[in-house]
Amino acid sequence: MKTTYIALCFLGMLPPALHADFSYSEKTQITGGAVIGMMKMAGAFSKQARQAGEPILSTVTIQGNRMVRANSLRTEIVDLDKETITTVDHTRRQYTTMTFEQMRQQIDAAIRKGKEQQVSDSQSAAANTDLSFQVKVRNTGATKDVAGIDTNESILSMAMDATDKKTGEKGSLALTNDMWLAPEVPGYEEVREFQQRFAAKLGTVFNESFNPAMLASQPGAGKAMADMVKEMSKLKGIPVLQIMRMGTTANGEPLPAASEAPLPQSTSAPAVSAGQVAKDSAASAITSSLGLGGLGGFGRKKKAADPAPSQPGESGAAVLIESTTQMSDFSQAPADPSKFSIPSGYQQVEAKIANQ
């Protein structure tokens, strides 16, 4: 007992663990789906639409309790000591700073607004639709060399299934992430540890592909989140390559992953497929209930002349958008502190905070 006590006292005198610097590059690009055709059409009239299809090259750098994600359009700086998130808009030469507490308020306001919307609008699509959620991770056993790194494939499938109470029509708004995971990358533990400290500070976990506030007011969402935690535990490694798809499916089928059903090279849209009207009806109910009524033309009946989204196969699935993200240039070299600074001449503007 005495030896244990002395050892604990000694450990208490040691300085806190030091965190090494770590950085990597990330390339993200829209690589397929019906949105490609929309972007090409809009690109004829809008420079911004043309740029939307170009790859976005970002650099992620971690230094102690700070992380910065920077590209030519936007920089985001997370400071765990100050409990702030600073967003820099390089196009407008402006920046905003939001505290973690203000972010919590945003989430609370979004959840509260969603609940109030359901109560006030009993005739909404959500009231006439049964929603259920599915989350599944499959470790396929496939391997692949990604930029000289050996990886294993895991596929994450998520679906919000809708059944129209009046017509019985069924359909799903689905997301599939085809991930190629490296067992380990030297220094990447700094990323994991930063994310853990961030989650502990903030009191919740965020993911760019999954918004808890969006689903919190939906029936069955609690079980879906529990299922997600369970399924996500199956993911082992670092996702150096991800191909994410979002679209619609029928009869409870998952959206096929990129490795299972590559999209055709041509971006021209095929003719309307059988069952498209039923899928549109279900998608309309889902997207309306989630406040996404204007997404990709969902929320309206499809005319016979309207093109259908890209088809990855004969499964009745329709891909609205496919994006590809690849990580590279992993480095443990000392980070330049200037990366965490606001560029000279940029004006600070007040962050928009939801009303309490």
Protein backbone atom coordinates (compact mmCIF):
# COMPACT_ATOMS: atom_id res chain seq x y z
CA MET A 1 0.00 0.00 0.00
CA LYS A 2 2.83 2.36 0.91
CA THR A 3 4.59 1.64 -2.40
CA THR A 4 1.38 2.28 -4.35
CA TYR A 5 0.78 5.57 -2.50
CA ILE A 6 4.33 6.78 -3.21
CA ALA A 7 3.97 5.85 -6.90
CA LEU A 8 0.67 7.77 -7.22
CA CYS A 9 2.21 10.81 -5.53
CA PHE A 10 5.13 10.67 -7.97
CA LEU A 11 2.81 10.44 -10.98
CA GLY A 12 0.84 13.41 -9.68
CA MET A 13 4.02 15.51 -9.75
CA LEU A 14 4.71 14.76 -13.43
CA PRO A 15 3.77 17.36 -16.05
CA PRO A 16 0.68 16.62 -18.21
CA ALA A 17 1.24 14.52 -21.32
CA LEU A 18 2.52 16.54 -24.27
CA HIS A 19 0.80 16.28 -27.60
CA ALA A 20 2.87 16.09 -30.77
CA ASP A 21 2.02 18.05 -33.91
CA PHE A 22 0.37 16.20 -36.77
CA SER A 23 -0.99 17.17 -40.18
CA TYR A 24 -2.39 15.63 -43.35
CA SER A 25 -3.96 16.67 -46.65
CA GLU A 26 -7.49 15.89 -47.78
CA LYS A 27 -8.96 16.01 -51.28
CA THR A 28 -12.76 16.03 -51.66
CA GLN A 29 -14.70 16.10 -54.91
CA ILE A 30 -18.23 15.43 -56.15
CA THR A 31 -17.70 12.44 -58.42
CA GLY A 32 -21.16 11.34 -59.51
CA GLY A 33 -24.91 11.30 -59.11
CA ALA A 34 -27.79 13.28 -60.56
CA VAL A 35 -26.37 16.47 -59.10
CA ILE A 36 -23.57 16.36 -61.71
CA GLY A 37 -26.05 17.08 -64.48
CA MET A 38 -27.62 19.88 -62.46
CA MET A 39 -24.21 21.43 -61.84
CA LYS A 40 -23.31 21.29 -65.53
CA MET A 41 -26.55 23.02 -66.46
CA ALA A 42 -26.14 25.69 -63.76
CA GLY A 43 -22.46 26.09 -64.63
CA ALA A 44 -23.39 27.63 -67.94
CA PHE A 45 -24.78 30.61 -66.04
CA SER A 46 -22.90 30.61 -62.71
CA LYS A 47 -19.18 30.61 -61.90
CA GLN A 48 -20.00 29.38 -58.39
CA ALA A 49 -21.83 26.35 -59.81
CA ARG A 50 -18.85 25.53 -62.03
CA GLN A 51 -16.50 25.68 -59.03
CA ALA A 52 -18.76 23.34 -57.05
CA GLY A 53 -17.60 20.41 -59.18
CA GLU A 54 -13.91 21.12 -58.71
CA PRO A 55 -11.86 19.23 -56.09
CA ILE A 56 -11.40 20.90 -52.70
CA LEU A 57 -7.88 20.53 -51.32
CA SER A 58 -7.67 20.97 -47.55
CA THR A 59 -4.94 20.72 -44.95
CA VAL A 60 -5.71 19.54 -41.41
CA THR A 61 -3.23 20.46 -38.69
CA ILE A 62 -3.27 19.62 -34.99
CA GLN A 63 -1.06 21.37 -32.47
CA GLY A 64 -1.80 20.70 -28.81
CA ASN A 65 -5.39 21.72 -28.08
CA ARG A 66 -5.89 23.44 -31.43
CA MET A 67 -6.96 22.06 -34.81
CA VAL A 68 -7.24 23.90 -38.10
CA ARG A 69 -8.84 22.73 -41.36
CA ALA A 70 -7.92 25.09 -44.19
CA ASN A 71 -8.60 25.35 -47.91
CA SER A 72 -8.78 28.17 -50.45
CA LEU A 73 -12.41 29.01 -49.59
CA ARG A 74 -12.70 28.45 -45.86
CA THR A 75 -10.66 27.86 -42.72
CA GLU A 76 -12.01 26.48 -39.46
CA ILE A 77 -10.02 26.74 -36.22
CA VAL A 78 -11.05 24.79 -33.11
CA ASP A 79 -9.44 25.92 -29.84
CA LEU A 80 -10.21 23.62 -26.89
CA ASP A 81 -8.56 25.90 -24.32
CA LYS A 82 -10.63 28.93 -25.35
CA GLU A 83 -13.64 26.70 -26.20
CA THR A 84 -14.20 28.45 -29.51
CA ILE A 85 -14.66 27.63 -33.18
CA THR A 86 -13.50 30.32 -35.60
CA THR A 87 -14.67 30.18 -39.21
CA VAL A 88 -12.78 32.21 -41.81
CA ASP A 89 -14.44 33.07 -45.13
CA HIS A 90 -11.65 33.79 -47.63
CA THR A 91 -14.07 34.92 -50.33
CA ARG A 92 -15.58 37.69 -48.18
CA ARG A 93 -12.39 38.23 -46.15
CA GLN A 94 -14.41 37.87 -42.94
CA TYR A 95 -14.40 35.60 -39.89
CA THR A 96 -16.75 34.65 -37.07
CA THR A 97 -16.04 33.11 -33.67
CA MET A 98 -18.58 30.94 -31.86
CA THR A 99 -18.16 29.54 -28.35
CA PHE A 100 -18.97 25.95 -27.47
CA GLU A 101 -21.82 27.24 -25.29
CA GLN A 102 -23.32 29.11 -28.24
CA MET A 103 -23.06 25.92 -30.29
CA ARG A 104 -24.94 23.99 -27.60
CA GLN A 105 -27.63 26.67 -27.77
CA GLN A 106 -27.85 26.21 -31.55
CA ILE A 107 -28.41 22.47 -31.12
CA ASP A 108 -31.02 22.96 -28.40
CA ALA A 109 -32.85 25.52 -30.54
CA ALA A 110 -32.85 23.19 -33.56
CA ILE A 111 -34.26 20.30 -31.52
CA ARG A 112 -36.89 22.54 -29.93
CA LYS A 113 -37.93 23.96 -33.31
CA GLY A 114 -38.28 20.45 -34.74
CA LYS A 115 -40.55 19.35 -31.89
CA GLU A 116 -42.68 22.50 -32.15
CA GLN A 117 -43.05 21.96 -35.89
CA GLN A 118 -44.39 18.45 -35.37
CA VAL A 119 -46.90 19.58 -32.75
CA SER A 120 -48.15 22.61 -34.71
CA ASP A 121 -48.55 20.86 -38.05
CA SER A 122 -50.54 17.66 -37.55
CA GLN A 123 -51.19 17.40 -41.29
CA SER A 124 -47.51 17.42 -42.23
CA ALA A 125 -45.85 14.60 -44.16
CA ALA A 126 -44.23 13.43 -40.92
CA ALA A 127 -47.67 12.95 -39.34
CA ASN A 128 -48.80 10.80 -42.27
CA THR A 129 -45.61 8.77 -42.53
CA ASP A 130 -44.13 5.95 -40.46
CA LEU A 131 -40.37 6.43 -40.21
CA SER A 132 -37.78 3.86 -39.20
CA PHE A 133 -33.99 4.01 -39.20
CA GLN A 134 -31.35 1.47 -40.11
CA VAL A 135 -27.58 1.55 -39.52
CA LYS A 136 -25.22 -1.22 -40.61
CA VAL A 137 -21.45 -1.68 -40.93
CA ARG A 138 -20.03 -4.47 -43.10
CA ASN A 139 -16.36 -5.42 -43.04
CA THR A 140 -16.09 -6.97 -46.52
CA GLY A 141 -12.59 -8.43 -46.30
CA ALA A 142 -11.55 -6.69 -49.52
CA THR A 143 -8.12 -5.02 -49.64
CA LYS A 144 -6.74 -2.17 -51.74
CA ASP A 145 -3.59 -0.11 -52.16
CA VAL A 146 -4.44 3.58 -51.67
CA ALA A 147 -1.50 5.85 -52.51
CA GLY A 148 0.96 3.23 -51.26
CA ILE A 149 -1.01 2.38 -48.10
CA ASP A 150 -2.55 -1.07 -47.55
CA THR A 151 -6.24 -0.73 -46.66
CA ASN A 152 -9.26 -2.91 -45.82
CA GLU A 153 -12.81 -2.14 -46.90
CA SER A 154 -15.72 -1.39 -44.56
CA ILE A 155 -19.11 -0.19 -45.77
CA LEU A 156 -21.38 1.97 -43.60
CA SER A 157 -25.04 1.99 -44.68
CA MET A 158 -27.69 4.28 -43.20
CA ALA A 159 -31.32 4.55 -44.24
CA MET A 160 -34.42 6.43 -43.18
CA ASP A 161 -37.28 4.21 -44.32
CA ALA A 162 -40.70 5.79 -44.90
CA THR A 163 -44.11 4.16 -45.29
CA ASP A 164 -47.02 6.35 -46.37
CA LYS A 165 -49.87 5.58 -43.94
CA LYS A 166 -52.52 6.29 -46.57
CA THR A 167 -51.13 4.58 -49.66
CA GLY A 168 -48.75 2.03 -48.15
CA GLU A 169 -45.98 3.17 -50.53
CA LYS A 170 -42.46 2.58 -49.20
CA GLY A 171 -39.10 4.11 -49.91
CA SER A 172 -35.86 5.16 -48.26
CA LEU A 173 -33.56 8.15 -48.12
CA ALA A 174 -30.22 6.36 -47.85
CA LEU A 175 -26.54 7.08 -47.28
CA THR A 176 -23.69 4.66 -47.95
CA ASN A 177 -20.05 5.32 -47.12
CA ASP A 178 -17.53 2.99 -48.79
CA MET A 179 -14.43 3.31 -46.56
CA TRP A 180 -10.92 1.99 -47.18
CA LEU A 181 -9.23 1.84 -43.78
CA ALA A 182 -5.52 1.74 -43.00
CA PRO A 183 -4.68 -0.27 -39.85
CA GLU A 184 -2.47 2.56 -38.58
CA VAL A 185 -0.71 5.76 -39.63
CA PRO A 186 2.13 7.00 -37.39
CA GLY A 187 0.98 10.09 -35.51
CA TYR A 188 -2.73 9.74 -36.32
CA GLU A 189 -3.44 9.04 -32.65
CA GLU A 190 -3.17 12.82 -32.21
CA VAL A 191 -6.33 13.19 -34.33
CA ARG A 192 -8.24 10.60 -32.31
CA GLU A 193 -7.18 12.10 -28.98
CA PHE A 194 -8.09 15.62 -30.12
CA GLN A 195 -11.55 14.43 -31.21
CA GLN A 196 -12.06 12.75 -27.85
CA ARG A 197 -11.09 15.92 -25.97
CA PHE A 198 -13.33 17.96 -28.26
CA ALA A 199 -16.30 15.64 -27.65
CA ALA A 200 -15.71 15.74 -23.89
CA LYS A 201 -15.57 19.55 -23.91
CA LEU A 202 -18.62 19.96 -26.08
CA GLY A 203 -20.69 17.28 -24.43
CA THR A 204 -21.79 15.72 -27.72
CA VAL A 205 -20.29 14.15 -30.82
CA PHE A 206 -20.49 15.80 -34.24
CA ASN A 207 -20.06 14.27 -37.74
CA GLU A 208 -20.27 16.14 -41.07
CA SER A 209 -22.27 13.23 -42.57
CA PHE A 210 -24.77 12.83 -39.62
CA ASN A 211 -26.70 15.57 -37.82
CA PRO A 212 -28.21 14.44 -34.47
CA ALA A 213 -30.31 17.60 -34.19
CA MET A 214 -31.99 16.75 -37.49
CA LEU A 215 -33.20 13.37 -36.24
CA ALA A 216 -33.66 13.95 -32.51
CA SER A 217 -37.38 14.69 -32.79
CA GLN A 218 -38.15 11.70 -35.04
CA PRO A 219 -39.74 8.51 -33.66
CA GLY A 220 -37.20 5.71 -33.41
CA ALA A 221 -34.23 8.08 -33.56
CA GLY A 222 -33.07 7.07 -30.07
CA LYS A 223 -32.72 3.42 -31.06
CA ALA A 224 -31.05 4.47 -34.32
CA MET A 225 -28.38 6.39 -32.44
CA ALA A 226 -27.78 3.43 -30.12
CA ASP A 227 -27.49 1.16 -33.17
CA MET A 228 -25.06 3.59 -34.74
CA VAL A 229 -22.75 3.52 -31.72
CA LYS A 230 -22.81 -0.29 -31.80
CA GLU A 231 -22.17 -0.53 -35.53
CA MET A 232 -19.50 2.17 -35.62
CA SER A 233 -17.48 0.16 -33.11
CA LYS A 234 -16.88 -2.34 -35.95
CA LEU A 235 -14.81 0.22 -37.85
CA LYS A 236 -11.12 -0.41 -37.25
CA GLY A 237 -8.50 1.88 -38.75
CA ILE A 238 -8.12 5.21 -40.50
CA PRO A 239 -10.39 6.05 -43.49
CA VAL A 240 -7.76 7.17 -46.01
CA LEU A 241 -10.32 6.86 -48.83
CA GLN A 242 -14.09 7.35 -48.57
CA ILE A 243 -16.70 7.29 -51.32
CA MET A 244 -19.99 8.55 -49.91
CA ARG A 245 -23.34 8.33 -51.68
CA MET A 246 -26.76 9.73 -50.84
CA GLY A 247 -29.94 8.84 -52.69
CA THR A 248 -33.17 6.86 -52.60
CA THR A 249 -33.93 3.13 -52.54
CA ALA A 250 -37.03 0.96 -52.53
CA ASN A 251 -38.24 -2.03 -50.51
CA GLY A 252 -35.78 -1.46 -47.67
CA GLU A 253 -32.73 -2.17 -49.82
CA PRO A 254 -29.48 -0.33 -48.95
CA LEU A 255 -27.90 2.10 -51.38
CA PRO A 256 -25.16 0.08 -53.19
CA ALA A 257 -21.59 1.07 -52.35
CA ALA A 258 -19.20 2.39 -55.01
CA SER A 259 -17.21 -0.87 -55.07
CA GLU A 260 -20.40 -2.89 -55.58
CA ALA A 261 -22.05 -0.79 -58.29
CA PRO A 262 -19.85 1.84 -59.97
CA LEU A 263 -21.74 4.69 -61.56
CA PRO A 264 -21.67 4.87 -65.37
CA GLN A 265 -19.04 7.17 -66.85
CA SER A 266 -21.68 9.14 -68.72
CA THR A 267 -23.34 11.84 -66.62
CA SER A 268 -26.41 11.94 -68.83
CA ALA A 269 -29.57 10.93 -66.99
CA PRO A 270 -31.45 7.77 -68.05
CA ALA A 271 -35.15 7.55 -68.62
CA VAL A 272 -37.55 7.32 -65.69
CA SER A 273 -37.40 3.84 -64.16
CA ALA A 274 -40.31 1.73 -62.97
CA GLY A 275 -41.32 2.47 -59.42
CA GLN A 276 -39.78 5.96 -59.57
CA VAL A 277 -43.06 7.64 -58.65
CA ALA A 278 -43.41 5.46 -55.54
CA LYS A 279 -39.83 6.26 -54.49
CA ASP A 280 -40.40 9.97 -55.03
CA SER A 281 -43.50 9.86 -52.84
CA ALA A 282 -41.61 8.20 -49.98
CA ALA A 283 -38.60 10.49 -50.42
CA SER A 284 -40.92 13.47 -50.34
CA ALA A 285 -42.34 12.35 -47.00
CA ILE A 286 -38.88 11.81 -45.54
CA THR A 287 -37.31 15.02 -46.75
CA SER A 288 -40.33 17.09 -45.78
CA SER A 289 -40.29 15.67 -42.26
CA LEU A 290 -36.59 16.55 -41.99
CA GLY A 291 -36.94 20.03 -43.40
CA LEU A 292 -35.29 19.07 -46.70
CA GLY A 293 -38.24 19.63 -49.00
CA GLY A 294 -36.19 21.36 -51.68
CA LEU A 295 -33.44 18.74 -51.90
CA GLY A 296 -32.89 17.60 -55.45
CA GLY A 297 -36.50 18.18 -56.48
CA PHE A 298 -37.88 15.88 -53.77
CA GLY A 299 -41.23 16.92 -52.39
CA ARG A 300 -42.99 17.14 -55.75
CA LYS A 301 -44.35 14.57 -58.16
CA LYS A 302 -42.03 13.76 -61.05
CA LYS A 303 -43.31 14.62 -64.49
CA ALA A 304 -42.87 12.09 -67.25
CA ALA A 305 -40.29 14.33 -68.94
CA ASP A 306 -38.18 14.75 -65.82
CA PRO A 307 -34.87 12.83 -65.79
CA ALA A 308 -34.32 10.26 -63.06
CA PRO A 309 -31.20 10.34 -60.88
CA SER A 310 -28.23 8.17 -61.84
CA GLN A 311 -28.87 4.45 -61.47
CA PRO A 312 -26.06 2.31 -59.97
CA GLY A 313 -27.70 -0.95 -61.01
CA GLU A 314 -30.95 -2.80 -61.29
CA SER A 315 -31.75 -2.61 -57.57
CA GLY A 316 -34.12 0.34 -57.93
CA ALA A 317 -31.63 2.62 -56.17
CA ALA A 318 -31.07 6.20 -57.36
CA VAL A 319 -27.93 8.15 -56.47
CA LEU A 320 -28.46 11.86 -55.93
CA ILE A 321 -24.84 12.67 -55.10
CA GLU A 322 -21.54 10.81 -54.78
CA SER A 323 -18.46 12.42 -53.24
CA THR A 324 -14.93 11.07 -52.85
CA THR A 325 -12.49 12.05 -50.09
CA GLN A 326 -8.87 10.90 -49.91
CA MET A 327 -6.27 11.59 -47.21
CA SER A 328 -2.53 11.84 -47.90
CA ASP A 329 0.72 13.60 -46.93
CA PHE A 330 0.64 12.49 -43.28
CA SER A 331 3.30 14.37 -41.31
CA GLN A 332 4.58 14.59 -37.74
CA ALA A 333 6.74 17.65 -38.51
CA PRO A 334 6.35 20.72 -36.24
CA ALA A 335 3.35 22.81 -37.29
CA ASP A 336 3.63 26.45 -38.30
CA PRO A 337 1.80 28.50 -35.59
CA SER A 338 0.72 31.04 -38.24
CA LYS A 339 -1.72 28.45 -39.58
CA PHE A 340 -3.90 29.19 -36.53
CA SER A 341 -3.91 32.98 -37.09
CA ILE A 342 -6.54 35.14 -38.80
CA PRO A 343 -5.16 36.60 -42.06
CA SER A 344 -4.30 40.30 -41.91
CA GLY A 345 -7.05 42.65 -43.05
CA TYR A 346 -9.95 40.26 -42.41
CA GLN A 347 -13.00 41.73 -40.64
CA GLN A 348 -14.72 40.01 -37.74
CA VAL A 349 -18.52 39.68 -38.01
CA GLU A 350 -20.92 38.50 -35.34
CA ALA A 351 -21.93 34.85 -35.42
CA LYS A 352 -25.65 34.24 -35.92
CA ILE A 353 -27.03 32.59 -32.79
CA ALA A 354 -30.49 31.04 -32.70
CA ASN A 355 -33.02 32.61 -30.35
CA GLN A 356 -33.51 30.96 -27.01
